[in-house]
Amino acid sequence: MIGAQNLDLSVILVDWNMPEMNGLDFVKAIRADPKYNAVPLMMVTTETEIEQMYLALEAGANEYVMKPFTDEVIADKLRLLGVLQ
């Protein structure tokens, strides 16, 4: 898990569907660690149901992008998060 390491992160992108831990559980775990609480986090996923978007944002994701997406969509979201200018 990322919390076991001391990383200097500017943004975290996570997918809902991952092999060992789903993205929602990852968001909850990362937001429970105070040292990563302020790192912008974007869920990038094929999950398109509003309920899943709501759960991710409620758990601490700052943005939610549904696949397929364009480079421009990711860049716009990263600008909203203050990662790109």
C-alpha atoms as a PDB file:
ATOM      1  CA  MET A   1       0.000   0.000   0.000  1.00  0.00           C
ATOM      2  CA  ILE A   2       1.128   3.511  -0.719  1.00  0.00           C
ATOM      3  CA  GLY A   3       0.800   4.555   2.933  1.00  0.00           C
ATOM      4  CA  ALA A   4       3.712   2.314   3.901  1.00  0.00           C
ATOM      5  CA  GLN A   5       5.999   4.487   1.786  1.00  0.00           C
ATOM      6  CA  ASN A   6       6.913   8.128   2.152  1.00  0.00           C
ATOM      7  CA  LEU A   7       6.176   9.496  -1.320  1.00  0.00           C
ATOM      8  CA  ASP A   8       6.009  13.077  -2.545  1.00  0.00           C
ATOM      9  CA  LEU A   9       2.953  12.921  -4.812  1.00  0.00           C
ATOM     10  CA  SER A  10       1.388  15.754  -6.805  1.00  0.00           C
ATOM     11  CA  VAL A  11      -1.650  13.754  -7.982  1.00  0.00           C
ATOM     12  CA  ILE A  12      -3.071  10.230  -7.777  1.00  0.00           C
ATOM     13  CA  LEU A  13      -5.012   8.603 -10.626  1.00  0.00           C
ATOM     14  CA  VAL A  14      -6.811   5.407  -9.723  1.00  0.00           C
ATOM     15  CA  ASP A  15      -9.116   3.003 -11.535  1.00  0.00           C
ATOM     16  CA  TRP A  16     -12.170   1.504  -9.861  1.00  0.00           C
ATOM     17  CA  ASN A  17     -11.300  -1.962 -11.161  1.00  0.00           C
ATOM     18  CA  MET A  18      -7.897  -3.092  -9.919  1.00  0.00           C
ATOM     19  CA  PRO A  19      -6.656  -6.608  -9.155  1.00  0.00           C
ATOM     20  CA  GLU A  20      -5.855  -6.519  -5.421  1.00  0.00           C
ATOM     21  CA  MET A  21      -7.898  -3.601  -4.097  1.00  0.00           C
ATOM     22  CA  ASN A  22     -10.745  -1.832  -5.826  1.00  0.00           C
ATOM     23  CA  GLY A  23     -10.437   1.886  -6.434  1.00  0.00           C
ATOM     24  CA  LEU A  24     -13.100   2.836  -3.906  1.00  0.00           C
ATOM     25  CA  ASP A  25     -11.275   1.000  -1.125  1.00  0.00           C
ATOM     26  CA  PHE A  26      -8.019   2.614  -2.274  1.00  0.00           C
ATOM     27  CA  VAL A  27      -9.559   6.094  -2.077  1.00  0.00           C
ATOM     28  CA  LYS A  28     -10.838   5.387   1.436  1.00  0.00           C
ATOM     29  CA  ALA A  29      -7.453   4.025   2.533  1.00  0.00           C
ATOM     30  CA  ILE A  30      -5.448   6.906   1.095  1.00  0.00           C
ATOM     31  CA  ARG A  31      -7.791   9.503   2.584  1.00  0.00           C
ATOM     32  CA  ALA A  32      -7.427   7.834   5.994  1.00  0.00           C
ATOM     33  CA  ASP A  33      -3.683   8.591   5.901  1.00  0.00           C
ATOM     34  CA  PRO A  34      -3.128  12.235   6.925  1.00  0.00           C
ATOM     35  CA  LYS A  35       0.110  12.575   4.950  1.00  0.00           C
ATOM     36  CA  TYR A  36      -1.759  12.004   1.666  1.00  0.00           C
ATOM     37  CA  ASN A  37      -5.040  13.659   2.587  1.00  0.00           C
ATOM     38  CA  ALA A  38      -4.290  16.828   0.601  1.00  0.00           C
ATOM     39  CA  VAL A  39      -3.030  15.078  -2.562  1.00  0.00           C
ATOM     40  CA  PRO A  40      -5.526  15.531  -5.417  1.00  0.00           C
ATOM     41  CA  LEU A  41      -7.054  12.213  -6.424  1.00  0.00           C
ATOM     42  CA  MET A  42      -8.861  11.434  -9.670  1.00  0.00           C
ATOM     43  CA  MET A  43     -10.857   8.259 -10.325  1.00  0.00           C
ATOM     44  CA  VAL A  44     -10.418   7.253 -13.985  1.00  0.00           C
ATOM     45  CA  THR A  45     -12.693   4.324 -14.776  1.00  0.00           C
ATOM     46  CA  THR A  46     -15.166   2.526 -16.993  1.00  0.00           C
ATOM     47  CA  GLU A  47     -17.740   2.656 -14.185  1.00  0.00           C
ATOM     48  CA  THR A  48     -20.356   5.082 -15.479  1.00  0.00           C
ATOM     49  CA  GLU A  49     -23.174   4.758 -12.970  1.00  0.00           C
ATOM     50  CA  ILE A  50     -23.978   7.909 -11.013  1.00  0.00           C
ATOM     51  CA  GLU A  51     -24.068   5.948  -7.745  1.00  0.00           C
ATOM     52  CA  GLN A  52     -20.447   4.876  -8.199  1.00  0.00           C
ATOM     53  CA  MET A  53     -19.396   8.420  -9.014  1.00  0.00           C
ATOM     54  CA  TYR A  54     -21.164   9.625  -5.884  1.00  0.00           C
ATOM     55  CA  LEU A  55     -19.470   6.950  -3.737  1.00  0.00           C
ATOM     56  CA  ALA A  56     -16.012   7.826  -5.097  1.00  0.00           C
ATOM     57  CA  LEU A  57     -16.472  11.557  -4.530  1.00  0.00           C
ATOM     58  CA  GLU A  58     -17.932  10.973  -1.080  1.00  0.00           C
ATOM     59  CA  ALA A  59     -14.953   8.759  -0.198  1.00  0.00           C
ATOM     60  CA  GLY A  60     -12.529  11.532  -1.115  1.00  0.00           C
ATOM     61  CA  ALA A  61     -11.894  11.494  -4.864  1.00  0.00           C
ATOM     62  CA  ASN A  62     -11.607  15.064  -6.136  1.00  0.00           C
ATOM     63  CA  GLU A  63     -12.537  14.284  -9.740  1.00  0.00           C
ATOM     64  CA  TYR A  64     -14.147  11.400 -11.624  1.00  0.00           C
ATOM     65  CA  VAL A  65     -13.483  10.667 -15.305  1.00  0.00           C
ATOM     66  CA  MET A  66     -15.292   7.966 -17.255  1.00  0.00           C
ATOM     67  CA  LYS A  67     -13.508   5.972 -19.959  1.00  0.00           C
ATOM     68  CA  PRO A  68     -13.151   6.432 -22.825  1.00  0.00           C
ATOM     69  CA  PHE A  69     -11.793   9.941 -22.484  1.00  0.00           C
ATOM     70  CA  THR A  70      -9.589  12.288 -24.480  1.00  0.00           C
ATOM     71  CA  ASP A  71      -6.276  13.865 -23.557  1.00  0.00           C
ATOM     72  CA  GLU A  72      -8.105  17.177 -23.308  1.00  0.00           C
ATOM     73  CA  VAL A  73     -10.525  15.838 -20.689  1.00  0.00           C
ATOM     74  CA  ILE A  74      -7.659  14.613 -18.497  1.00  0.00           C
ATOM     75  CA  ALA A  75      -5.770  17.888 -18.969  1.00  0.00           C
ATOM     76  CA  ASP A  76      -8.884  19.904 -18.044  1.00  0.00           C
ATOM     77  CA  LYS A  77      -9.409  17.829 -14.893  1.00  0.00           C
ATOM     78  CA  LEU A  78      -5.731  18.181 -13.937  1.00  0.00           C
ATOM     79  CA  ARG A  79      -6.046  21.949 -14.370  1.00  0.00           C
ATOM     80  CA  LEU A  80      -9.122  21.932 -12.116  1.00  0.00           C
ATOM     81  CA  LEU A  81      -7.074  20.077  -9.523  1.00  0.00           C
ATOM     82  CA  GLY A  82      -4.259  22.646  -9.812  1.00  0.00           C
ATOM     83  CA  VAL A  83      -1.778  20.103 -11.124  1.00  0.00           C
ATOM     84  CA  LEU A  84      -1.439  21.661 -14.616  1.00  0.00           C
ATOM     85  CA  GLN A  85      -1.508  25.278 -15.654  1.00  0.00           C
END
